[in-house]
Amino acid sequence: MANIDHYSPGSFCWFELGTTDQNAAKSFYKSLFGWDADDMPMGPEGVYSMFKLEGRNTGAAYTLMAEMRAHGVPPHWAIYVAVESADDAAAKAVKAGGTLIKEPFDVFDVGRMAVVKDPAGAVFNAWQEKRPHSNGISGVPGTFCWADLCTRDVDAAARFYSEVFGWQITKGENDSSGYLHIKNGEAFIGGIPPAQFLPPNVPPHWMLYYYVTDVDASTKRLQELGGAVHMGPMTMEKVGRMSVVADPQGASFSLFTPAPH
């Protein structure tokens, strides 16, 4: 287990589920990943459920607001990227061709954030932490381990994120698949699959991966809990085994077991 107490800029630092049935989602993820949930009041907006694993934050859930549902926002997992300044990151994103869905705003005394749509349409959040609140655990089953940007304009996306976060986005050595690796500083944090892997009816999005010890068993368990399987389980040679799935409310994510080394 690796406890995480600080994120360098450009790192994925928080994961947030917007759902239509918060209580059902809490039950589902507890059964699948062992997550506990602490509910925090959000005023008239209901409660914010902090997911915890081994006593440390691992994400959160909230109920999609009526306005979001009216605009067709489906249940989904959102990803946050750590930044030194949410305002500076928002300005960089706009300059690089992105769109601000929400201008930078304060989240109580916890941090400051902006909601950004990249030029191809994938959405992410820029997060400036003011006090520790981010994901605090990795390397054990049920923790976030990777993210893929699923997009149709790979070149434009690579340029945009390199400009905004300073990521290095390159092909792997001896890799003819077309998959691009995202490197933040010295750490590989995610990737961009070739455009043809994004189905025609699916909008550009960030896909979150969660580490499990046995993809096949976890995928079967997910189905027993009412979830759906979009793809897999399947093996990626020398990488691991994965499946693309959705919770009972329809929020998609991936399960991943790395190949033994």
Protein backbone atom coordinates (compact mmCIF):
# COMPACT_ATOMS: atom_id res chain seq x y z
CA MET A 1 0.00 0.00 0.00
CA ALA A 2 1.16 3.52 -0.78
CA ASN A 3 -0.32 6.39 1.19
CA ILE A 4 -0.40 9.65 -0.76
CA ASP A 5 -0.19 12.95 1.10
CA HIS A 6 0.84 15.30 -1.72
CA TYR A 7 0.35 15.54 -5.48
CA SER A 8 2.77 17.24 -7.83
CA PRO A 9 1.16 19.52 -10.44
CA GLY A 10 -0.15 17.58 -13.41
CA SER A 11 -1.03 14.47 -11.39
CA PHE A 12 -4.48 12.89 -11.27
CA CYS A 13 -5.56 13.64 -7.71
CA TRP A 14 -9.32 13.10 -7.26
CA PHE A 15 -12.14 11.04 -8.71
CA GLU A 16 -15.79 11.98 -8.41
CA LEU A 17 -18.93 10.09 -9.30
CA GLY A 18 -21.97 12.01 -10.44
CA THR A 19 -24.92 9.63 -10.17
CA THR A 20 -28.71 9.41 -10.20
CA ASP A 21 -28.93 7.14 -7.13
CA GLN A 22 -26.31 7.99 -4.53
CA ASN A 23 -27.35 5.39 -1.95
CA ALA A 24 -27.40 2.59 -4.53
CA ALA A 25 -23.97 3.69 -5.78
CA LYS A 26 -22.53 3.64 -2.26
CA SER A 27 -23.80 0.10 -1.77
CA PHE A 28 -22.48 -1.04 -5.16
CA TYR A 29 -18.94 0.30 -4.70
CA LYS A 30 -18.73 -1.01 -1.15
CA SER A 31 -19.59 -4.48 -2.42
CA LEU A 32 -17.23 -4.24 -5.41
CA PHE A 33 -14.21 -2.42 -3.95
CA GLY A 34 -14.77 -2.41 -0.18
CA TRP A 35 -15.22 1.35 -0.06
CA ASP A 36 -16.87 2.92 2.96
CA ALA A 37 -18.71 6.23 2.60
CA ASP A 38 -18.89 9.26 4.87
CA ASP A 39 -21.72 11.65 4.03
CA MET A 40 -20.97 15.37 4.31
CA PRO A 41 -23.81 17.94 4.08
CA MET A 42 -23.80 20.13 0.94
CA GLY A 43 -26.66 22.38 2.00
CA PRO A 44 -29.70 22.28 -0.29
CA GLU A 45 -27.72 20.19 -2.79
CA GLY A 46 -27.92 17.13 -0.51
CA VAL A 47 -24.83 15.28 0.69
CA TYR A 48 -21.35 14.62 -0.65
CA SER A 49 -20.30 11.03 0.00
CA MET A 50 -16.57 10.64 0.64
CA PHE A 51 -15.44 7.16 -0.36
CA LYS A 52 -12.78 5.69 1.93
CA LEU A 53 -10.55 2.64 1.79
CA GLU A 54 -8.45 1.64 4.79
CA GLY A 55 -9.43 4.96 6.36
CA ARG A 56 -8.10 7.14 3.54
CA ASN A 57 -9.96 9.10 0.87
CA THR A 58 -10.34 7.33 -2.46
CA GLY A 59 -13.01 9.41 -4.23
CA ALA A 60 -16.51 10.75 -3.76
CA ALA A 61 -20.07 10.67 -5.04
CA TYR A 62 -22.88 13.19 -5.38
CA THR A 63 -26.34 13.18 -6.94
CA LEU A 64 -26.49 14.86 -10.35
CA MET A 65 -28.34 18.14 -10.01
CA ALA A 66 -31.59 18.74 -11.91
CA GLU A 67 -29.86 21.33 -14.13
CA MET A 68 -27.18 18.81 -15.10
CA ARG A 69 -29.73 16.14 -15.92
CA ALA A 70 -31.73 18.67 -17.95
CA HIS A 71 -28.62 19.27 -20.05
CA GLY A 72 -28.28 15.54 -20.66
CA VAL A 73 -25.33 14.91 -18.33
CA PRO A 74 -25.34 11.14 -17.66
CA PRO A 75 -23.95 9.35 -14.58
CA HIS A 76 -20.18 9.52 -14.93
CA TRP A 77 -16.80 9.47 -13.21
CA ALA A 78 -14.97 12.81 -13.34
CA ILE A 79 -11.21 13.21 -13.03
CA TYR A 80 -9.30 16.01 -11.28
CA VAL A 81 -5.79 17.19 -12.16
CA ALA A 82 -3.62 18.85 -9.50
CA VAL A 83 -2.50 22.40 -10.33
CA GLU A 84 -0.68 25.14 -8.44
CA SER A 85 -3.28 27.72 -9.49
CA ALA A 86 -6.76 26.94 -10.80
CA ASP A 87 -6.94 30.42 -12.32
CA ASP A 88 -3.66 30.02 -14.20
CA ALA A 89 -4.62 26.54 -15.39
CA ALA A 90 -7.99 27.83 -16.63
CA ALA A 91 -6.29 30.66 -18.53
CA LYS A 92 -3.81 28.22 -20.09
CA ALA A 93 -6.63 25.89 -21.08
CA VAL A 94 -8.55 28.67 -22.85
CA LYS A 95 -5.40 29.88 -24.61
CA ALA A 96 -4.73 26.31 -25.80
CA GLY A 97 -8.23 26.00 -27.31
CA GLY A 98 -10.24 24.60 -24.39
CA THR A 99 -13.55 25.86 -23.02
CA LEU A 100 -14.42 26.73 -19.43
CA ILE A 101 -17.61 24.98 -18.32
CA LYS A 102 -17.17 26.57 -14.90
CA GLU A 103 -14.85 29.50 -14.20
CA PRO A 104 -12.49 29.02 -11.23
CA PHE A 105 -14.37 28.96 -7.93
CA ASP A 106 -13.64 28.17 -4.29
CA VAL A 107 -14.78 24.90 -2.75
CA PHE A 108 -15.32 25.95 0.87
CA ASP A 109 -11.84 26.19 2.44
CA VAL A 110 -10.65 22.97 0.82
CA GLY A 111 -9.49 24.18 -2.57
CA ARG A 112 -10.20 26.06 -5.77
CA MET A 113 -11.19 24.47 -9.06
CA ALA A 114 -12.23 24.99 -12.66
CA VAL A 115 -14.22 22.67 -14.94
CA VAL A 116 -12.66 22.49 -18.41
CA LYS A 117 -13.63 20.95 -21.74
CA ASP A 118 -10.68 20.15 -24.00
CA PRO A 119 -10.87 21.07 -27.74
CA ALA A 120 -12.30 17.65 -28.66
CA GLY A 121 -14.95 17.67 -25.92
CA ALA A 122 -13.51 15.62 -23.01
CA VAL A 123 -14.11 17.23 -19.61
CA PHE A 124 -11.76 17.38 -16.61
CA ASN A 125 -11.37 19.43 -13.43
CA ALA A 126 -8.32 21.49 -12.49
CA TRP A 127 -7.82 21.29 -8.71
CA GLN A 128 -5.80 23.66 -6.52
CA GLU A 129 -5.62 22.10 -3.06
CA LYS A 130 -5.74 24.38 -0.03
CA ARG A 131 -5.88 21.65 2.60
CA PRO A 132 -5.44 17.88 2.22
CA HIS A 133 -8.58 16.42 0.74
CA SER A 134 -7.36 14.43 -2.27
CA ASN A 135 -7.12 10.72 -2.98
CA GLY A 136 -4.90 9.31 -0.24
CA ILE A 137 -4.18 5.70 -1.19
CA SER A 138 -2.88 3.63 -4.09
CA GLY A 139 -1.47 0.21 -4.86
CA VAL A 140 -4.16 -1.87 -3.15
CA PRO A 141 -7.27 -3.44 -4.73
CA GLY A 142 -10.02 -0.87 -5.27
CA THR A 143 -7.72 2.09 -5.92
CA PHE A 144 -7.33 4.26 -9.01
CA CYS A 145 -4.32 3.22 -11.09
CA TRP A 146 -4.50 4.77 -14.58
CA ALA A 147 -6.55 6.99 -16.91
CA ASP A 148 -7.07 6.94 -20.66
CA LEU A 149 -8.19 9.91 -22.72
CA CYS A 150 -10.64 8.47 -25.24
CA THR A 151 -10.82 10.98 -28.09
CA ARG A 152 -11.16 11.20 -31.87
CA ASP A 153 -8.55 13.95 -32.33
CA VAL A 154 -5.48 12.45 -30.72
CA ASP A 155 -2.98 14.98 -32.11
CA ALA A 156 -5.00 18.01 -30.97
CA ALA A 157 -5.50 16.45 -27.53
CA ALA A 158 -1.78 15.75 -27.16
CA ARG A 159 -0.94 19.36 -28.03
CA PHE A 160 -3.58 20.76 -25.67
CA TYR A 161 -2.59 18.77 -22.58
CA SER A 162 1.13 19.29 -23.20
CA GLU A 163 0.53 23.05 -23.26
CA VAL A 164 -1.74 23.11 -20.20
CA PHE A 165 0.04 20.62 -17.90
CA GLY A 166 3.49 20.15 -19.45
CA TRP A 167 2.80 16.44 -19.99
CA GLN A 168 5.08 14.44 -22.26
CA ILE A 169 2.85 12.43 -24.62
CA THR A 170 4.75 9.87 -26.68
CA LYS A 171 4.59 6.42 -28.24
CA GLY A 172 6.01 3.53 -26.25
CA GLU A 173 9.25 1.88 -27.33
CA ASN A 174 8.68 -0.98 -29.78
CA ASP A 175 4.93 -0.28 -29.66
CA SER A 176 3.21 -0.26 -33.05
CA SER A 177 -0.33 -0.05 -31.63
CA GLY A 178 -0.54 3.74 -31.86
CA TYR A 179 -1.24 4.04 -28.13
CA LEU A 180 0.33 7.16 -26.61
CA HIS A 181 1.69 7.28 -23.06
CA ILE A 182 1.18 10.31 -20.81
CA LYS A 183 4.15 11.15 -18.60
CA ASN A 184 3.94 13.79 -15.86
CA GLY A 185 7.48 14.57 -14.71
CA GLU A 186 9.02 11.13 -14.18
CA ALA A 187 5.71 9.29 -13.68
CA PHE A 188 3.63 7.54 -16.33
CA ILE A 189 0.04 8.36 -15.37
CA GLY A 190 -2.17 7.51 -18.35
CA GLY A 191 -2.50 7.27 -22.08
CA ILE A 192 -4.41 8.07 -25.26
CA PRO A 193 -5.65 5.06 -27.27
CA PRO A 194 -5.85 5.29 -31.08
CA ALA A 195 -8.95 7.17 -32.24
CA GLN A 196 -10.57 4.11 -33.85
CA PHE A 197 -11.11 2.57 -30.40
CA LEU A 198 -13.73 5.21 -29.52
CA PRO A 199 -17.14 3.99 -30.73
CA PRO A 200 -19.02 6.45 -33.01
CA ASN A 201 -21.83 7.10 -30.52
CA VAL A 202 -19.56 7.68 -27.49
CA PRO A 203 -18.42 11.26 -26.76
CA PRO A 204 -14.77 12.00 -25.91
CA HIS A 205 -14.09 11.30 -22.23
CA TRP A 206 -11.55 10.33 -19.59
CA MET A 207 -11.73 6.64 -18.63
CA LEU A 208 -10.65 5.76 -15.08
CA TYR A 209 -9.00 2.42 -14.30
CA TYR A 210 -9.24 0.68 -10.94
CA TYR A 211 -6.79 -1.94 -9.78
CA VAL A 212 -8.18 -5.38 -8.88
CA THR A 213 -6.36 -8.66 -8.23
CA ASP A 214 -8.54 -10.71 -10.62
CA VAL A 215 -10.31 -8.89 -13.45
CA ASP A 216 -12.46 -11.88 -14.36
CA ALA A 217 -13.71 -12.39 -10.80
CA SER A 218 -14.32 -8.65 -10.29
CA THR A 219 -16.15 -8.37 -13.60
CA LYS A 220 -18.39 -11.29 -12.66
CA ARG A 221 -19.03 -9.74 -9.25
CA LEU A 222 -19.93 -6.44 -10.90
CA GLN A 223 -22.51 -8.20 -13.06
CA GLU A 224 -23.99 -9.92 -9.99
CA LEU A 225 -24.34 -6.46 -8.40
CA GLY A 226 -26.29 -5.15 -11.39
CA GLY A 227 -23.45 -3.56 -13.37
CA ALA A 228 -22.89 -3.91 -17.11
CA VAL A 229 -19.90 -5.06 -19.15
CA HIS A 230 -19.08 -3.00 -22.25
CA MET A 231 -15.91 -4.85 -23.26
CA GLY A 232 -13.75 -7.72 -22.04
CA PRO A 233 -12.32 -9.10 -19.93
CA MET A 234 -9.39 -9.16 -22.34
CA THR A 235 -5.63 -9.49 -22.18
CA MET A 236 -3.17 -6.84 -23.35
CA GLU A 237 0.11 -8.64 -23.95
CA LYS A 238 2.83 -7.75 -21.41
CA VAL A 239 0.52 -5.12 -19.88
CA GLY A 240 -2.30 -6.89 -18.05
CA ARG A 241 -5.94 -7.85 -18.22
CA MET A 242 -8.84 -5.40 -18.27
CA SER A 243 -12.55 -4.91 -18.78
CA VAL A 244 -14.63 -1.81 -19.51
CA VAL A 245 -17.71 -1.78 -17.31
CA ALA A 246 -20.46 0.40 -15.87
CA ASP A 247 -22.17 0.62 -12.51
CA PRO A 248 -25.95 0.03 -12.27
CA GLN A 249 -26.66 3.73 -12.87
CA GLY A 250 -24.53 3.75 -16.03
CA ALA A 251 -21.24 5.40 -14.99
CA SER A 252 -18.42 3.74 -16.94
CA PHE A 253 -14.96 2.80 -15.68
CA SER A 254 -12.38 0.05 -16.22
CA LEU A 255 -11.08 -2.80 -14.10
CA PHE A 256 -7.39 -3.68 -14.45
CA THR A 257 -5.01 -6.38 -13.25
CA PRO A 258 -1.38 -5.83 -14.26
CA ALA A 259 0.59 -8.62 -15.87
CA PRO A 260 2.97 -10.38 -13.47
CA HIS A 261 6.55 -9.14 -13.70
